[in-house]
C-alpha atoms as a PDB file:
ATOM      1  CA  MET A   1      -6.036 -14.795  -2.950  1.00  0.00           C
ATOM      2  CA  GLU A   2      -7.904 -11.596  -1.962  1.00  0.00           C
ATOM      3  CA  THR A   3      -6.848  -9.831   1.684  1.00  0.00           C
ATOM      4  CA  THR A   4      -6.621 -12.650   4.363  1.00  0.00           C
ATOM      5  CA  GLU A   5      -6.711 -11.949   8.209  1.00  0.00           C
ATOM      6  CA  THR A   6      -5.392 -14.866  10.311  1.00  0.00           C
ATOM      7  CA  THR A   7      -4.488 -14.593  14.161  1.00  0.00           C
ATOM      8  CA  GLU A   8      -0.972 -14.153  13.653  1.00  0.00           C
ATOM      9  CA  THR A   9      -0.778 -11.756   9.605  1.00  0.00           C
ATOM     10  CA  THR A  10      -2.246 -10.534   7.219  1.00  0.00           C
ATOM     11  CA  GLU A  11      -1.386 -10.874   3.523  1.00  0.00           C
ATOM     12  CA  THR A  12      -2.506  -9.523  -0.409  1.00  0.00           C
ATOM     13  CA  THR A  13      -0.567  -9.803  -3.174  1.00  0.00           C
ATOM     14  CA  VAL A  14      -0.008  -6.347  -5.191  1.00  0.00           C
ATOM     15  CA  ASP A  15       1.527  -6.168  -8.573  1.00  0.00           C
ATOM     16  CA  TYR A  16       4.543  -4.278  -9.556  1.00  0.00           C
ATOM     17  CA  TYR A  17       4.693  -1.884 -12.367  1.00  0.00           C
ATOM     18  CA  ASP A  18       7.894  -0.581 -14.222  1.00  0.00           C
ATOM     19  CA  ASP A  19       6.938   1.593 -17.336  1.00  0.00           C
ATOM     20  CA  TYR A  20       3.504   1.025 -17.064  1.00  0.00           C
ATOM     21  CA  LYS A  21       4.050  -2.392 -17.561  1.00  0.00           C
ATOM     22  CA  LEU A  22       3.893  -5.571 -15.061  1.00  0.00           C
ATOM     23  CA  LYS A  23       6.982  -6.679 -13.929  1.00  0.00           C
ATOM     24  CA  SER A  24       6.822  -9.146 -10.985  1.00  0.00           C
ATOM     25  CA  SER A  25       4.178  -9.991  -8.734  1.00  0.00           C
ATOM     26  CA  LYS A  26       4.525 -10.988  -4.621  1.00  0.00           C
ATOM     27  CA  VAL A  27       3.267 -11.268  -1.087  1.00  0.00           C
ATOM     28  CA  ILE A  28       2.972  -8.603   1.746  1.00  0.00           C
ATOM     29  CA  SER A  29       2.172  -9.374   5.072  1.00  0.00           C
ATOM     30  CA  ALA A  30       0.869  -7.637   7.836  1.00  0.00           C
ATOM     31  CA  LYS A  31      -0.160  -8.175  11.595  1.00  0.00           C
ATOM     32  CA  ASN A  32      -3.380  -6.415  10.561  1.00  0.00           C
ATOM     33  CA  GLU A  33      -5.185  -4.659   7.914  1.00  0.00           C
ATOM     34  CA  HIS A  34      -4.390  -1.075   8.753  1.00  0.00           C
ATOM     35  CA  GLU A  35      -0.563  -2.420   8.862  1.00  0.00           C
ATOM     36  CA  LEU A  36      -0.765  -3.784   5.600  1.00  0.00           C
ATOM     37  CA  PHE A  37      -2.619  -0.415   3.653  1.00  0.00           C
ATOM     38  CA  ILE A  38       0.178   1.460   5.556  1.00  0.00           C
ATOM     39  CA  LYS A  39       3.065  -0.682   3.812  1.00  0.00           C
ATOM     40  CA  PHE A  40       1.390  -0.809   0.537  1.00  0.00           C
ATOM     41  CA  TYR A  41       2.043   3.348   1.313  1.00  0.00           C
ATOM     42  CA  LYS A  42       5.440   3.479   1.800  1.00  0.00           C
ATOM     43  CA  MET A  43       6.168   1.066  -1.119  1.00  0.00           C
ATOM     44  CA  ASN A  44       4.065   3.438  -3.566  1.00  0.00           C
ATOM     45  CA  ASN A  45       5.526   6.510  -2.029  1.00  0.00           C
ATOM     46  CA  GLU A  46       9.318   5.574  -2.399  1.00  0.00           C
ATOM     47  CA  LEU A  47       8.304   5.139  -6.638  1.00  0.00           C
ATOM     48  CA  ARG A  48       6.405   8.602  -6.506  1.00  0.00           C
ATOM     49  CA  TYR A  49       9.502  10.078  -8.941  1.00  0.00           C
ATOM     50  CA  CYS A  50       9.553   7.319 -10.451  1.00  0.00           C
ATOM     51  CA  ASN A  51       7.691   7.745 -13.730  1.00  0.00           C
ATOM     52  CA  GLY A  52       4.739   4.657 -14.660  1.00  0.00           C
ATOM     53  CA  SER A  53       6.338   2.902 -11.701  1.00  0.00           C
ATOM     54  CA  HIS A  54       3.856   1.907  -8.744  1.00  0.00           C
ATOM     55  CA  TYR A  55       2.244  -1.136  -7.257  1.00  0.00           C
ATOM     56  CA  GLN A  56      -1.337  -2.140  -7.633  1.00  0.00           C
ATOM     57  CA  PHE A  57      -3.345  -4.671  -5.666  1.00  0.00           C
ATOM     58  CA  GLN A  58      -4.301  -7.826  -7.661  1.00  0.00           C
ATOM     59  CA  TYR A  59      -7.815  -7.888  -6.747  1.00  0.00           C
ATOM     60  CA  PRO A  60     -10.198  -5.376  -6.739  1.00  0.00           C
ATOM     61  CA  ILE A  61     -11.796  -6.111  -3.124  1.00  0.00           C
ATOM     62  CA  THR A  62      -8.450  -5.147  -1.475  1.00  0.00           C
ATOM     63  CA  LYS A  63      -8.518  -1.910  -3.497  1.00  0.00           C
ATOM     64  CA  ASP A  64     -11.583  -0.765  -2.717  1.00  0.00           C
ATOM     65  CA  GLN A  65     -10.794  -1.497   0.951  1.00  0.00           C
ATOM     66  CA  TYR A  66      -7.835   0.728   0.589  1.00  0.00           C
ATOM     67  CA  THR A  67      -9.003   3.437  -0.903  1.00  0.00           C
ATOM     68  CA  GLN A  68     -11.787   2.859   2.637  1.00  0.00           C
ATOM     69  CA  TRP A  69      -9.007   3.128   4.020  1.00  0.00           C
ATOM     70  CA  LEU A  70      -7.649   6.266   2.197  1.00  0.00           C
ATOM     71  CA  LYS A  71     -10.619   7.709   3.884  1.00  0.00           C
ATOM     72  CA  SER A  72     -10.783   7.533   7.162  1.00  0.00           C
ATOM     73  CA  ASP A  73     -10.086   8.727  10.425  1.00  0.00           C
ATOM     74  CA  LYS A  74      -7.031   6.707  10.549  1.00  0.00           C
ATOM     75  CA  PHE A  75      -5.137   7.656   7.551  1.00  0.00           C
ATOM     76  CA  LYS A  76      -6.071  11.308   8.264  1.00  0.00           C
ATOM     77  CA  LYS A  77      -3.898  11.231  11.436  1.00  0.00           C
ATOM     78  CA  ILE A  78      -1.027  10.048   9.943  1.00  0.00           C
ATOM     79  CA  SER A  79      -1.261  10.933   6.721  1.00  0.00           C
ATOM     80  CA  PHE A  80       1.768  13.923   6.238  1.00  0.00           C
ATOM     81  CA  ASN A  81       3.824  11.463   8.433  1.00  0.00           C
ATOM     82  CA  LEU A  82       4.157   8.791   5.746  1.00  0.00           C
ATOM     83  CA  PHE A  83       4.079  10.806   3.256  1.00  0.00           C
ATOM     84  CA  TYR A  84       6.790  12.984   3.985  1.00  0.00           C
ATOM     85  CA  SER A  85       8.533   9.872   6.349  1.00  0.00           C
ATOM     86  CA  GLY A  86      11.687  11.322   7.813  1.00  0.00           C
ATOM     87  CA  ASN A  87      12.235  14.654   5.303  1.00  0.00           C
ATOM     88  CA  TYR A  88      12.178  18.341   6.670  1.00  0.00           C
ATOM     89  CA  VAL A  89       9.340  20.275   5.769  1.00  0.00           C
ATOM     90  CA  ASP A  90       9.613  24.190   5.459  1.00  0.00           C
END
């Protein structure tokens, strides 16, 4: 399954790696592709201090779409708040 979009939700499958080893897979969903990529970004951001732990898209086409999203104006407008969500920055 690649990224699937219906009138209700968008979903895709991601793999979770811990210590660089595949540990599990799960389906994530959101109301649209933009929200799905935000969810994926936040999931990985929570693991930023855990060496070797990360989520990865199962399907290359979804990874390519995500890479393009990271370069988009939509992402640039929200990237600071996504990265520092709820933290104080001096």
